[in-house]
C-alpha atoms as a PDB file:
ATOM      1  CA  MET A   1     115.004  95.612 116.364  1.00  0.00           C
ATOM      2  CA  SER A   2     116.364  92.198 115.557  1.00  0.00           C
ATOM      3  CA  ARG A   3     116.946  91.093 111.995  1.00  0.00           C
ATOM      4  CA  LEU A   4     115.280  88.050 110.479  1.00  0.00           C
ATOM      5  CA  ASN A   5     116.431  85.942 107.562  1.00  0.00           C
ATOM      6  CA  GLY A   6     114.198  84.823 104.745  1.00  0.00           C
ATOM      7  CA  TRP A   7     113.821  84.527 100.996  1.00  0.00           C
ATOM      8  CA  ILE A   8     111.875  86.400  98.374  1.00  0.00           C
ATOM      9  CA  LYS A   9     108.729  84.428  97.676  1.00  0.00           C
ATOM     10  CA  LYS A  10     107.192  86.659  95.011  1.00  0.00           C
ATOM     11  CA  LEU A  11     108.011  89.898  93.194  1.00  0.00           C
ATOM     12  CA  ILE A  12     105.472  92.114  91.448  1.00  0.00           C
ATOM     13  CA  ARG A  13     107.937  94.233  89.498  1.00  0.00           C
ATOM     14  CA  GLU A  14     105.450  96.481  87.714  1.00  0.00           C
ATOM     15  CA  LYS A  15     103.984  97.585  91.066  1.00  0.00           C
ATOM     16  CA  GLY A  16     107.303  97.747  92.949  1.00  0.00           C
ATOM     17  CA  PHE A  17     106.579  95.324  95.777  1.00  0.00           C
ATOM     18  CA  GLY A  18     106.919  91.723  96.804  1.00  0.00           C
ATOM     19  CA  PHE A  19     106.644  89.190  99.598  1.00  0.00           C
ATOM     20  CA  ILE A  20     109.289  87.640 101.827  1.00  0.00           C
ATOM     21  CA  ARG A  21     108.923  84.333 103.654  1.00  0.00           C
ATOM     22  CA  ASP A  22     110.940  83.691 106.806  1.00  0.00           C
ATOM     23  CA  ASP A  23     112.235  80.371 108.132  1.00  0.00           C
ATOM     24  CA  LYS A  24     109.169  80.031 110.382  1.00  0.00           C
ATOM     25  CA  ASP A  25     106.874  80.194 107.326  1.00  0.00           C
ATOM     26  CA  ASN A  26     105.633  83.741 108.068  1.00  0.00           C
ATOM     27  CA  GLU A  27     105.066  85.966 105.062  1.00  0.00           C
ATOM     28  CA  TYR A  28     105.777  89.708 104.934  1.00  0.00           C
ATOM     29  CA  PHE A  29     104.903  92.369 102.373  1.00  0.00           C
ATOM     30  CA  PHE A  30     107.703  94.713 101.321  1.00  0.00           C
ATOM     31  CA  HIS A  31     107.834  97.765  99.069  1.00  0.00           C
ATOM     32  CA  ARG A  32     110.827  98.743  96.958  1.00  0.00           C
ATOM     33  CA  THR A  33     111.399 101.692  99.308  1.00  0.00           C
ATOM     34  CA  ALA A  34     112.127  99.176 102.116  1.00  0.00           C
ATOM     35  CA  LEU A  35     115.395  98.146 100.446  1.00  0.00           C
ATOM     36  CA  ASP A  36     118.317  99.235 102.566  1.00  0.00           C
ATOM     37  CA  LYS A  37     120.977  98.158 100.088  1.00  0.00           C
ATOM     38  CA  GLY A  38     120.723  97.020  96.503  1.00  0.00           C
ATOM     39  CA  ARG A  39     118.252  97.716  93.737  1.00  0.00           C
ATOM     40  CA  PHE A  40     114.741  96.332  93.433  1.00  0.00           C
ATOM     41  CA  ASP A  41     115.359  95.426  89.785  1.00  0.00           C
ATOM     42  CA  ASP A  42     118.305  93.227  90.824  1.00  0.00           C
ATOM     43  CA  LEU A  43     116.205  91.062  93.183  1.00  0.00           C
ATOM     44  CA  ALA A  44     115.113  87.568  92.205  1.00  0.00           C
ATOM     45  CA  GLU A  45     112.497  85.192  93.570  1.00  0.00           C
ATOM     46  CA  GLY A  46     114.177  82.667  95.877  1.00  0.00           C
ATOM     47  CA  GLN A  47     116.963  85.111  96.799  1.00  0.00           C
ATOM     48  CA  MET A  48     118.005  85.163 100.453  1.00  0.00           C
ATOM     49  CA  VAL A  49     117.521  88.436 102.345  1.00  0.00           C
ATOM     50  CA  SER A  50     117.627  89.780 105.882  1.00  0.00           C
ATOM     51  CA  PHE A  51     115.083  92.266 107.190  1.00  0.00           C
ATOM     52  CA  GLU A  52     113.409  93.863 110.176  1.00  0.00           C
ATOM     53  CA  VAL A  53     109.686  93.760 110.855  1.00  0.00           C
ATOM     54  CA  GLU A  54     107.620  96.882 111.457  1.00  0.00           C
ATOM     55  CA  GLU A  55     103.919  97.346 112.079  1.00  0.00           C
ATOM     56  CA  SER A  56     101.782  99.062 109.466  1.00  0.00           C
ATOM     57  CA  SER A  57      98.085  99.809 109.201  1.00  0.00           C
ATOM     58  CA  LYS A  58      97.726  96.529 107.266  1.00  0.00           C
ATOM     59  CA  GLY A  59      99.793  94.408 109.653  1.00  0.00           C
ATOM     60  CA  PRO A  60     103.468  93.509 109.921  1.00  0.00           C
ATOM     61  CA  ARG A  61     105.716  94.269 106.948  1.00  0.00           C
ATOM     62  CA  ALA A  62     109.400  93.918 106.093  1.00  0.00           C
ATOM     63  CA  ALA A  63     111.655  96.952 106.535  1.00  0.00           C
ATOM     64  CA  THR A  64     115.366  97.633 105.915  1.00  0.00           C
ATOM     65  CA  VAL A  65     115.600  94.687 103.520  1.00  0.00           C
ATOM     66  CA  ARG A  66     119.158  93.672 102.647  1.00  0.00           C
ATOM     67  CA  THR A  67     120.348  91.043 100.227  1.00  0.00           C
ATOM     68  CA  ALA A  68     122.346  88.260 101.832  1.00  0.00           C
END
């Protein structure tokens, strides 16, 4: 799998998930369990991240999210 770069568009801290936007304006859901390194509570909206994309029953989502 190739890694993509993007930034955190929105975090919903109380639910433990958020959304990442890539440089091609695609948006991906991610869950706190998708973090490969770092802590969910340390993330901030607008922060740069890299990630892989995997298919889920609800469409593509971010996996192995790493802070840049």
